[in-house]
C-alpha atoms as a PDB file:
ATOM      1  CA  UNK A   1     -20.630 -24.674  -4.255  1.00  0.00           C
ATOM      2  CA  UNK A   2     -18.866 -27.131  -1.946  1.00  0.00           C
ATOM      3  CA  UNK A   3     -17.676 -29.178  -4.883  1.00  0.00           C
ATOM      4  CA  UNK A   4     -16.035 -28.544  -8.246  1.00  0.00           C
ATOM      5  CA  UNK A   5     -17.204 -31.179 -10.772  1.00  0.00           C
ATOM      6  CA  UNK A   6     -15.591 -31.842 -14.203  1.00  0.00           C
ATOM      7  CA  UNK A   7     -16.438 -34.502 -16.754  1.00  0.00           C
ATOM      8  CA  UNK A   8     -13.666 -35.864 -18.926  1.00  0.00           C
ATOM      9  CA  UNK A   9     -15.058 -38.574 -21.098  1.00  0.00           C
ATOM     10  CA  UNK A  10     -15.868 -41.464 -18.804  1.00  0.00           C
ATOM     11  CA  UNK A  11     -14.015 -39.860 -15.888  1.00  0.00           C
ATOM     12  CA  UNK A  12     -15.797 -37.738 -13.396  1.00  0.00           C
ATOM     13  CA  UNK A  13     -13.458 -35.413 -11.346  1.00  0.00           C
ATOM     14  CA  UNK A  14     -14.997 -34.413  -8.038  1.00  0.00           C
ATOM     15  CA  UNK A  15     -12.974 -31.852  -6.162  1.00  0.00           C
ATOM     16  CA  UNK A  16     -13.733 -30.975  -2.527  1.00  0.00           C
ATOM     17  CA  UNK A  17     -13.819 -27.187  -2.900  1.00  0.00           C
ATOM     18  CA  UNK A  18     -13.687 -25.412   0.516  1.00  0.00           C
ATOM     19  CA  UNK A  19      -9.942 -24.587   0.503  1.00  0.00           C
ATOM     20  CA  UNK A  20     -10.364 -21.816   3.036  1.00  0.00           C
ATOM     21  CA  UNK A  21     -10.995 -24.512   5.684  1.00  0.00           C
ATOM     22  CA  UNK A  22      -8.795 -27.200   4.091  1.00  0.00           C
ATOM     23  CA  UNK A  23     -11.993 -28.740   2.654  1.00  0.00           C
ATOM     24  CA  UNK A  24     -13.530 -29.584   5.991  1.00  0.00           C
ATOM     25  CA  UNK A  25     -16.703 -31.445   5.472  1.00  0.00           C
ATOM     26  CA  UNK A  26     -20.012 -29.548   6.112  1.00  0.00           C
ATOM     27  CA  UNK A  27     -23.411 -31.175   6.063  1.00  0.00           C
ATOM     28  CA  UNK A  28     -23.968 -29.382   2.616  1.00  0.00           C
ATOM     29  CA  UNK A  29     -20.816 -31.019   1.351  1.00  0.00           C
ATOM     30  CA  UNK A  30     -21.971 -34.431   2.472  1.00  0.00           C
ATOM     31  CA  UNK A  31     -25.248 -33.865   0.635  1.00  0.00           C
ATOM     32  CA  UNK A  32     -23.523 -32.636  -2.522  1.00  0.00           C
ATOM     33  CA  UNK A  33     -21.236 -35.584  -2.541  1.00  0.00           C
ATOM     34  CA  UNK A  34     -24.160 -38.034  -2.267  1.00  0.00           C
ATOM     35  CA  UNK A  35     -25.971 -36.197  -5.066  1.00  0.00           C
ATOM     36  CA  UNK A  36     -22.907 -36.150  -7.332  1.00  0.00           C
ATOM     37  CA  UNK A  37     -22.321 -39.903  -6.790  1.00  0.00           C
ATOM     38  CA  UNK A  38     -25.993 -40.800  -7.427  1.00  0.00           C
ATOM     39  CA  UNK A  39     -26.000 -38.664 -10.670  1.00  0.00           C
ATOM     40  CA  UNK A  40     -22.844 -40.434 -11.926  1.00  0.00           C
ATOM     41  CA  UNK A  41     -24.282 -43.797 -11.267  1.00  0.00           C
ATOM     42  CA  UNK A  42     -27.606 -42.957 -12.867  1.00  0.00           C
ATOM     43  CA  UNK A  43     -26.414 -41.406 -16.081  1.00  0.00           C
ATOM     44  CA  UNK A  44     -24.529 -44.575 -17.225  1.00  0.00           C
ATOM     45  CA  UNK A  45     -21.643 -42.771 -18.899  1.00  0.00           C
ATOM     46  CA  UNK A  46     -19.162 -42.345 -15.927  1.00  0.00           C
ATOM     47  CA  UNK A  47     -16.801 -45.351 -15.337  1.00  0.00           C
ATOM     48  CA  UNK A  48     -14.210 -43.695 -12.978  1.00  0.00           C
ATOM     49  CA  UNK A  49     -14.612 -41.204 -10.164  1.00  0.00           C
ATOM     50  CA  UNK A  50     -11.629 -39.269  -9.178  1.00  0.00           C
ATOM     51  CA  UNK A  51     -11.964 -37.658  -5.689  1.00  0.00           C
ATOM     52  CA  UNK A  52      -9.514 -34.941  -4.556  1.00  0.00           C
ATOM     53  CA  UNK A  53      -9.305 -31.752  -2.647  1.00  0.00           C
ATOM     54  CA  UNK A  54      -8.680 -28.092  -3.692  1.00  0.00           C
ATOM     55  CA  UNK A  55      -5.846 -25.923  -2.460  1.00  0.00           C
ATOM     56  CA  UNK A  56      -3.285 -28.606  -1.717  1.00  0.00           C
ATOM     57  CA  UNK A  57      -5.320 -30.539   0.957  1.00  0.00           C
ATOM     58  CA  UNK A  58      -7.662 -33.401   0.678  1.00  0.00           C
ATOM     59  CA  UNK A  59      -9.995 -33.022   3.673  1.00  0.00           C
ATOM     60  CA  UNK A  60      -9.444 -31.799   7.254  1.00  0.00           C
ATOM     61  CA  UNK A  61     -12.362 -33.895   8.552  1.00  0.00           C
ATOM     62  CA  UNK A  62     -15.673 -32.738   9.784  1.00  0.00           C
ATOM     63  CA  UNK A  63     -16.406 -28.969   9.978  1.00  0.00           C
ATOM     64  CA  UNK A  64     -16.723 -28.602  13.755  1.00  0.00           C
ATOM     65  CA  UNK A  65     -18.266 -25.157  13.443  1.00  0.00           C
ATOM     66  CA  UNK A  66     -20.922 -26.559  11.230  1.00  0.00           C
ATOM     67  CA  UNK A  67     -21.485 -29.480  13.678  1.00  0.00           C
ATOM     68  CA  UNK A  68     -21.742 -27.013  16.570  1.00  0.00           C
ATOM     69  CA  UNK A  69     -24.218 -24.770  14.709  1.00  0.00           C
ATOM     70  CA  UNK A  70     -26.455 -27.694  13.885  1.00  0.00           C
ATOM     71  CA  UNK A  71     -26.513 -28.819  17.592  1.00  0.00           C
ATOM     72  CA  UNK A  72     -27.246 -25.205  18.620  1.00  0.00           C
ATOM     73  CA  UNK A  73     -30.191 -24.914  16.211  1.00  0.00           C
ATOM     74  CA  UNK A  74     -31.643 -28.245  17.454  1.00  0.00           C
ATOM     75  CA  UNK A  75     -31.291 -27.075  20.996  1.00  0.00           C
ATOM     76  CA  UNK A  76     -33.067 -23.771  20.314  1.00  0.00           C
ATOM     77  CA  UNK A  77     -36.054 -25.709  19.069  1.00  0.00           C
ATOM     78  CA  UNK A  78     -36.564 -27.192  22.507  1.00  0.00           C
ATOM     79  CA  UNK A  79     -37.522 -25.537  25.828  1.00  0.00           C
ATOM     80  CA  UNK A  80     -34.839 -27.336  27.759  1.00  0.00           C
ATOM     81  CA  UNK A  81     -32.542 -29.918  26.172  1.00  0.00           C
ATOM     82  CA  UNK A  82     -31.244 -32.738  28.291  1.00  0.00           C
ATOM     83  CA  UNK A  83     -29.658 -36.152  27.632  1.00  0.00           C
ATOM     84  CA  UNK A  84     -31.573 -38.224  25.065  1.00  0.00           C
ATOM     85  CA  UNK A  85     -33.103 -35.025  23.818  1.00  0.00           C
ATOM     86  CA  UNK A  86     -33.813 -34.217  20.178  1.00  0.00           C
ATOM     87  CA  UNK A  87     -30.687 -32.055  20.213  1.00  0.00           C
ATOM     88  CA  UNK A  88     -28.656 -35.266  20.914  1.00  0.00           C
ATOM     89  CA  UNK A  89     -30.623 -36.958  18.193  1.00  0.00           C
ATOM     90  CA  UNK A  90     -29.775 -34.196  15.700  1.00  0.00           C
ATOM     91  CA  UNK A  91     -26.064 -34.785  16.283  1.00  0.00           C
ATOM     92  CA  UNK A  92     -26.542 -38.491  15.783  1.00  0.00           C
ATOM     93  CA  UNK A  93     -28.490 -37.829  12.561  1.00  0.00           C
ATOM     94  CA  UNK A  94     -25.833 -35.599  11.104  1.00  0.00           C
ATOM     95  CA  UNK A  95     -23.165 -38.189  11.968  1.00  0.00           C
ATOM     96  CA  UNK A  96     -25.165 -40.943  10.333  1.00  0.00           C
ATOM     97  CA  UNK A  97     -25.437 -38.869   7.125  1.00  0.00           C
ATOM     98  CA  UNK A  98     -21.657 -38.960   6.869  1.00  0.00           C
ATOM     99  CA  UNK A  99     -21.698 -42.727   7.478  1.00  0.00           C
ATOM    100  CA  UNK A 100     -24.207 -43.242   4.670  1.00  0.00           C
ATOM    101  CA  UNK A 101     -21.945 -41.232   2.400  1.00  0.00           C
ATOM    102  CA  UNK A 102     -19.018 -43.496   3.174  1.00  0.00           C
ATOM    103  CA  UNK A 103     -21.193 -46.519   2.575  1.00  0.00           C
ATOM    104  CA  UNK A 104     -22.388 -45.150  -0.759  1.00  0.00           C
ATOM    105  CA  UNK A 105     -18.839 -44.471  -2.020  1.00  0.00           C
ATOM    106  CA  UNK A 106     -17.638 -47.857  -0.692  1.00  0.00           C
ATOM    107  CA  UNK A 107     -20.460 -49.739  -2.576  1.00  0.00           C
ATOM    108  CA  UNK A 108     -20.517 -47.820  -5.777  1.00  0.00           C
ATOM    109  CA  UNK A 109     -20.110 -50.074  -8.895  1.00  0.00           C
ATOM    110  CA  UNK A 110     -17.929 -47.390 -10.414  1.00  0.00           C
ATOM    111  CA  UNK A 111     -14.127 -47.326  -9.926  1.00  0.00           C
ATOM    112  CA  UNK A 112     -13.109 -44.857  -7.228  1.00  0.00           C
ATOM    113  CA  UNK A 113      -9.697 -43.196  -7.131  1.00  0.00           C
ATOM    114  CA  UNK A 114      -8.652 -40.948  -4.371  1.00  0.00           C
ATOM    115  CA  UNK A 115      -5.838 -38.378  -4.712  1.00  0.00           C
ATOM    116  CA  UNK A 116      -4.595 -37.451  -1.248  1.00  0.00           C
ATOM    117  CA  UNK A 117      -2.619 -34.350  -0.563  1.00  0.00           C
ATOM    118  CA  UNK A 118      -1.927 -32.216   2.506  1.00  0.00           C
ATOM    119  CA  UNK A 119      -4.343 -32.758   5.366  1.00  0.00           C
ATOM    120  CA  UNK A 120      -6.212 -36.081   5.371  1.00  0.00           C
ATOM    121  CA  UNK A 121      -8.061 -36.058   8.704  1.00  0.00           C
ATOM    122  CA  UNK A 122     -10.966 -37.685  10.296  1.00  0.00           C
ATOM    123  CA  UNK A 123     -13.722 -38.021   7.716  1.00  0.00           C
ATOM    124  CA  UNK A 124     -11.283 -37.423   4.972  1.00  0.00           C
ATOM    125  CA  UNK A 125      -9.223 -40.386   6.333  1.00  0.00           C
ATOM    126  CA  UNK A 126     -12.432 -42.420   6.116  1.00  0.00           C
ATOM    127  CA  UNK A 127     -13.009 -41.552   2.478  1.00  0.00           C
ATOM    128  CA  UNK A 128      -9.472 -42.472   1.658  1.00  0.00           C
ATOM    129  CA  UNK A 129     -10.123 -45.945   3.079  1.00  0.00           C
ATOM    130  CA  UNK A 130     -13.074 -46.595   0.868  1.00  0.00           C
ATOM    131  CA  UNK A 131     -11.254 -45.729  -2.413  1.00  0.00           C
ATOM    132  CA  UNK A 132     -10.409 -48.629  -4.744  1.00  0.00           C
ATOM    133  CA  UNK A 133      -7.094 -46.975  -5.423  1.00  0.00           C
ATOM    134  CA  UNK A 134      -5.541 -44.455  -3.056  1.00  0.00           C
ATOM    135  CA  UNK A 135      -2.691 -42.329  -4.426  1.00  0.00           C
ATOM    136  CA  UNK A 136      -0.917 -40.117  -1.957  1.00  0.00           C
ATOM    137  CA  UNK A 137       1.304 -37.100  -2.603  1.00  0.00           C
ATOM    138  CA  UNK A 138       4.409 -36.993  -0.465  1.00  0.00           C
ATOM    139  CA  UNK A 139       2.943 -33.883   1.236  1.00  0.00           C
ATOM    140  CA  UNK A 140       0.013 -35.931   2.610  1.00  0.00           C
ATOM    141  CA  UNK A 141      -0.295 -36.260   6.445  1.00  0.00           C
ATOM    142  CA  UNK A 142      -2.999 -38.571   7.824  1.00  0.00           C
ATOM    143  CA  UNK A 143      -4.577 -37.941  11.260  1.00  0.00           C
ATOM    144  CA  UNK A 144      -7.290 -39.346  13.362  1.00  0.00           C
ATOM    145  CA  UNK A 145      -7.858 -36.559  15.848  1.00  0.00           C
ATOM    146  CA  UNK A 146     -11.245 -37.450  17.130  1.00  0.00           C
ATOM    147  CA  UNK A 147     -10.256 -38.981  20.485  1.00  0.00           C
ATOM    148  CA  UNK A 148      -7.936 -35.996  21.264  1.00  0.00           C
ATOM    149  CA  UNK A 149     -11.039 -33.837  20.853  1.00  0.00           C
ATOM    150  CA  UNK A 150     -13.241 -36.034  23.094  1.00  0.00           C
ATOM    151  CA  UNK A 151     -15.042 -37.466  20.074  1.00  0.00           C
ATOM    152  CA  UNK A 152     -15.131 -40.959  18.529  1.00  0.00           C
ATOM    153  CA  UNK A 153     -14.254 -41.835  14.871  1.00  0.00           C
ATOM    154  CA  UNK A 154     -17.644 -43.564  14.830  1.00  0.00           C
ATOM    155  CA  UNK A 155     -18.644 -43.743  11.179  1.00  0.00           C
ATOM    156  CA  UNK A 156     -15.176 -44.312   9.703  1.00  0.00           C
ATOM    157  CA  UNK A 157     -14.170 -47.003  12.177  1.00  0.00           C
ATOM    158  CA  UNK A 158     -15.514 -49.924  10.143  1.00  0.00           C
ATOM    159  CA  UNK A 159     -13.601 -48.721   7.094  1.00  0.00           C
ATOM    160  CA  UNK A 160     -10.389 -48.241   9.017  1.00  0.00           C
ATOM    161  CA  UNK A 161     -10.566 -51.777  10.206  1.00  0.00           C
ATOM    162  CA  UNK A 162     -11.286 -52.987   6.743  1.00  0.00           C
ATOM    163  CA  UNK A 163      -8.364 -51.151   5.134  1.00  0.00           C
ATOM    164  CA  UNK A 164      -5.746 -51.441   7.872  1.00  0.00           C
ATOM    165  CA  UNK A 165      -6.837 -54.486   9.902  1.00  0.00           C
ATOM    166  CA  UNK A 166      -7.871 -54.390  13.517  1.00  0.00           C
ATOM    167  CA  UNK A 167      -4.432 -53.955  15.093  1.00  0.00           C
ATOM    168  CA  UNK A 168      -3.274 -50.940  13.011  1.00  0.00           C
ATOM    169  CA  UNK A 169      -6.683 -49.293  13.102  1.00  0.00           C
ATOM    170  CA  UNK A 170      -6.942 -49.572  16.872  1.00  0.00           C
ATOM    171  CA  UNK A 171      -3.307 -48.249  17.273  1.00  0.00           C
ATOM    172  CA  UNK A 172      -4.111 -45.126  15.254  1.00  0.00           C
ATOM    173  CA  UNK A 173      -7.395 -44.527  16.941  1.00  0.00           C
ATOM    174  CA  UNK A 174      -6.139 -44.668  20.488  1.00  0.00           C
ATOM    175  CA  UNK A 175      -3.012 -42.574  19.813  1.00  0.00           C
ATOM    176  CA  UNK A 176      -4.678 -39.838  17.644  1.00  0.00           C
ATOM    177  CA  UNK A 177      -2.434 -41.280  15.034  1.00  0.00           C
ATOM    178  CA  UNK A 178      -0.331 -38.924  12.787  1.00  0.00           C
ATOM    179  CA  UNK A 179       0.884 -40.840   9.780  1.00  0.00           C
ATOM    180  CA  UNK A 180       3.154 -39.504   7.121  1.00  0.00           C
ATOM    181  CA  UNK A 181       2.675 -40.556   3.440  1.00  0.00           C
ATOM    182  CA  UNK A 182       5.522 -43.187   3.531  1.00  0.00           C
ATOM    183  CA  UNK A 183       4.180 -44.794   6.634  1.00  0.00           C
ATOM    184  CA  UNK A 184       0.700 -44.856   5.166  1.00  0.00           C
ATOM    185  CA  UNK A 185       2.089 -46.836   2.244  1.00  0.00           C
ATOM    186  CA  UNK A 186       3.823 -49.168   4.602  1.00  0.00           C
ATOM    187  CA  UNK A 187       0.616 -50.031   6.523  1.00  0.00           C
ATOM    188  CA  UNK A 188      -1.468 -50.387   3.393  1.00  0.00           C
ATOM    189  CA  UNK A 189      -3.617 -47.252   3.767  1.00  0.00           C
ATOM    190  CA  UNK A 190      -2.567 -45.998   0.420  1.00  0.00           C
ATOM    191  CA  UNK A 191      -1.354 -47.842  -2.673  1.00  0.00           C
ATOM    192  CA  UNK A 192       1.334 -45.485  -3.935  1.00  0.00           C
ATOM    193  CA  UNK A 193       3.144 -42.308  -3.044  1.00  0.00           C
ATOM    194  CA  UNK A 194       4.301 -39.792  -5.531  1.00  0.00           C
ATOM    195  CA  UNK A 195       6.084 -36.399  -5.544  1.00  0.00           C
ATOM    196  CA  UNK A 196       3.793 -33.427  -5.996  1.00  0.00           C
ATOM    197  CA  UNK A 197       4.946 -32.860  -9.612  1.00  0.00           C
ATOM    198  CA  UNK A 198       4.261 -36.499 -10.502  1.00  0.00           C
ATOM    199  CA  UNK A 199       0.926 -37.141  -8.907  1.00  0.00           C
ATOM    200  CA  UNK A 200      -1.131 -36.066 -11.963  1.00  0.00           C
ATOM    201  CA  UNK A 201       0.904 -38.428 -14.296  1.00  0.00           C
ATOM    202  CA  UNK A 202       0.392 -41.174 -11.841  1.00  0.00           C
ATOM    203  CA  UNK A 203      -3.278 -40.582 -11.726  1.00  0.00           C
ATOM    204  CA  UNK A 204      -3.486 -40.585 -15.508  1.00  0.00           C
ATOM    205  CA  UNK A 205      -1.731 -43.982 -15.667  1.00  0.00           C
ATOM    206  CA  UNK A 206      -4.103 -45.470 -13.103  1.00  0.00           C
ATOM    207  CA  UNK A 207      -7.157 -44.132 -14.859  1.00  0.00           C
ATOM    208  CA  UNK A 208      -5.954 -45.491 -18.202  1.00  0.00           C
ATOM    209  CA  UNK A 209      -5.486 -48.943 -16.636  1.00  0.00           C
ATOM    210  CA  UNK A 210      -9.073 -48.851 -15.219  1.00  0.00           C
ATOM    211  CA  UNK A 211     -10.518 -47.925 -18.586  1.00  0.00           C
ATOM    212  CA  UNK A 212      -9.029 -51.037 -20.103  1.00  0.00           C
ATOM    213  CA  UNK A 213     -11.437 -53.100 -17.841  1.00  0.00           C
ATOM    214  CA  UNK A 214     -14.949 -53.744 -18.838  1.00  0.00           C
ATOM    215  CA  UNK A 215     -17.319 -51.645 -16.847  1.00  0.00           C
ATOM    216  CA  UNK A 216     -19.848 -54.278 -15.999  1.00  0.00           C
ATOM    217  CA  UNK A 217     -17.155 -56.839 -15.183  1.00  0.00           C
ATOM    218  CA  UNK A 218     -15.401 -54.333 -12.986  1.00  0.00           C
ATOM    219  CA  UNK A 219     -18.691 -53.616 -11.018  1.00  0.00           C
ATOM    220  CA  UNK A 220     -19.431 -57.372 -10.611  1.00  0.00           C
ATOM    221  CA  UNK A 221     -15.791 -57.977  -9.406  1.00  0.00           C
ATOM    222  CA  UNK A 222     -16.109 -55.234  -6.796  1.00  0.00           C
ATOM    223  CA  UNK A 223     -19.362 -56.639  -5.546  1.00  0.00           C
ATOM    224  CA  UNK A 224     -18.039 -60.161  -5.380  1.00  0.00           C
ATOM    225  CA  UNK A 225     -14.935 -59.026  -3.528  1.00  0.00           C
ATOM    226  CA  UNK A 226     -16.946 -57.058  -0.973  1.00  0.00           C
ATOM    227  CA  UNK A 227     -18.913 -60.235  -0.217  1.00  0.00           C
ATOM    228  CA  UNK A 228     -15.755 -62.368  -0.135  1.00  0.00           C
ATOM    229  CA  UNK A 229     -14.386 -60.356   2.815  1.00  0.00           C
ATOM    230  CA  UNK A 230     -17.092 -61.832   5.024  1.00  0.00           C
ATOM    231  CA  UNK A 231     -17.788 -65.241   3.458  1.00  0.00           C
ATOM    232  CA  UNK A 232     -15.740 -68.431   3.607  1.00  0.00           C
ATOM    233  CA  UNK A 233     -14.404 -69.454   0.150  1.00  0.00           C
ATOM    234  CA  UNK A 234     -16.296 -72.759   0.182  1.00  0.00           C
ATOM    235  CA  UNK A 235     -19.634 -70.938   0.713  1.00  0.00           C
ATOM    236  CA  UNK A 236     -19.042 -68.600  -2.258  1.00  0.00           C
ATOM    237  CA  UNK A 237     -18.170 -71.249  -4.887  1.00  0.00           C
ATOM    238  CA  UNK A 238     -21.614 -71.527  -6.412  1.00  0.00           C
ATOM    239  CA  UNK A 239     -22.380 -67.880  -6.402  1.00  0.00           C
ATOM    240  CA  UNK A 240     -19.020 -67.038  -7.911  1.00  0.00           C
ATOM    241  CA  UNK A 241     -19.660 -69.624 -10.690  1.00  0.00           C
ATOM    242  CA  UNK A 242     -23.021 -67.965 -11.465  1.00  0.00           C
ATOM    243  CA  UNK A 243     -21.297 -64.416 -11.599  1.00  0.00           C
ATOM    244  CA  UNK A 244     -18.620 -65.842 -13.940  1.00  0.00           C
ATOM    245  CA  UNK A 245     -21.168 -67.576 -16.143  1.00  0.00           C
ATOM    246  CA  UNK A 246     -23.188 -64.325 -16.612  1.00  0.00           C
ATOM    247  CA  UNK A 247     -20.080 -62.449 -17.430  1.00  0.00           C
ATOM    248  CA  UNK A 248     -18.770 -65.055 -19.863  1.00  0.00           C
ATOM    249  CA  UNK A 249     -22.112 -65.337 -21.762  1.00  0.00           C
ATOM    250  CA  UNK A 250     -22.797 -61.580 -21.650  1.00  0.00           C
ATOM    251  CA  UNK A 251     -21.953 -58.909 -24.235  1.00  0.00           C
ATOM    252  CA  UNK A 252     -18.771 -57.870 -22.538  1.00  0.00           C
ATOM    253  CA  UNK A 253     -17.511 -61.593 -22.256  1.00  0.00           C
ATOM    254  CA  UNK A 254     -18.200 -62.070 -26.053  1.00  0.00           C
ATOM    255  CA  UNK A 255     -16.493 -58.777 -27.046  1.00  0.00           C
ATOM    256  CA  UNK A 256     -13.538 -59.356 -24.760  1.00  0.00           C
ATOM    257  CA  UNK A 257     -12.914 -62.943 -26.116  1.00  0.00           C
ATOM    258  CA  UNK A 258     -13.321 -61.797 -29.766  1.00  0.00           C
ATOM    259  CA  UNK A 259     -10.950 -58.950 -29.205  1.00  0.00           C
ATOM    260  CA  UNK A 260      -8.344 -61.211 -27.697  1.00  0.00           C
ATOM    261  CA  UNK A 261      -8.655 -63.688 -30.615  1.00  0.00           C
ATOM    262  CA  UNK A 262      -8.613 -60.892 -33.204  1.00  0.00           C
ATOM    263  CA  UNK A 263      -5.575 -59.209 -31.417  1.00  0.00           C
ATOM    264  CA  UNK A 264      -7.335 -55.876 -31.043  1.00  0.00           C
ATOM    265  CA  UNK A 265      -8.609 -53.689 -28.142  1.00  0.00           C
ATOM    266  CA  UNK A 266     -12.171 -54.446 -26.905  1.00  0.00           C
ATOM    267  CA  UNK A 267     -14.665 -51.749 -27.635  1.00  0.00           C
ATOM    268  CA  UNK A 268     -14.597 -50.263 -24.002  1.00  0.00           C
ATOM    269  CA  UNK A 269     -10.848 -49.682 -24.127  1.00  0.00           C
ATOM    270  CA  UNK A 270     -11.134 -47.022 -26.814  1.00  0.00           C
ATOM    271  CA  UNK A 271      -9.180 -46.757 -30.092  1.00  0.00           C
END
């Protein structure tokens, strides 16, 4: 299995589990991640996904051996493969699968927390950028090695720009950027940096805070904020008002207001 999955109440822990290759992402891992996310969204019990890597590393990017094997298999299916051939299309298809993975995690209505340790490279860098909360261990080193390998950080580029802004994203991409944890915090790539022996306690505190939020309200807020990135405030007023009205008149709004007036925790926050 490319993943280790553990349920803890409303929290789903997904661990990239290929430590022998620093959790480099194979096509199988991409498919497994998509399946794990889809299952979590469908079952209706999960409220927080925690994404991390086994063996002291988050993810060393794409598995280049896996990529090369896929291209070779596609080429063997042709008499002679040239430019624009199905072999080239197979590479594009594999790359697009990772892009769809990033989009799925970026758009999930569930809260997504990434715990970033050791190598955070390429595609792993992209997954870090889509997390709602990114917690880095002080051992984390972020790299964009694609251009140094003659490749392009194609699918993660939009998420880099979204998280870092155009200037910083471009700087890192054209320098094959190597960023230590403290610098990642300074440019807004991660939200906090913790020592190795404190990262689990920090994660527990963040998860606890998330679980105090109403799940449907959290999902609606994420969706509205995603739209607000690309929409002028004046053009969002009416839609935002409708979103607020649905929340205020819904079950969570009623429970949250009652809990506040009665000086108790709302039902979704536990005992």
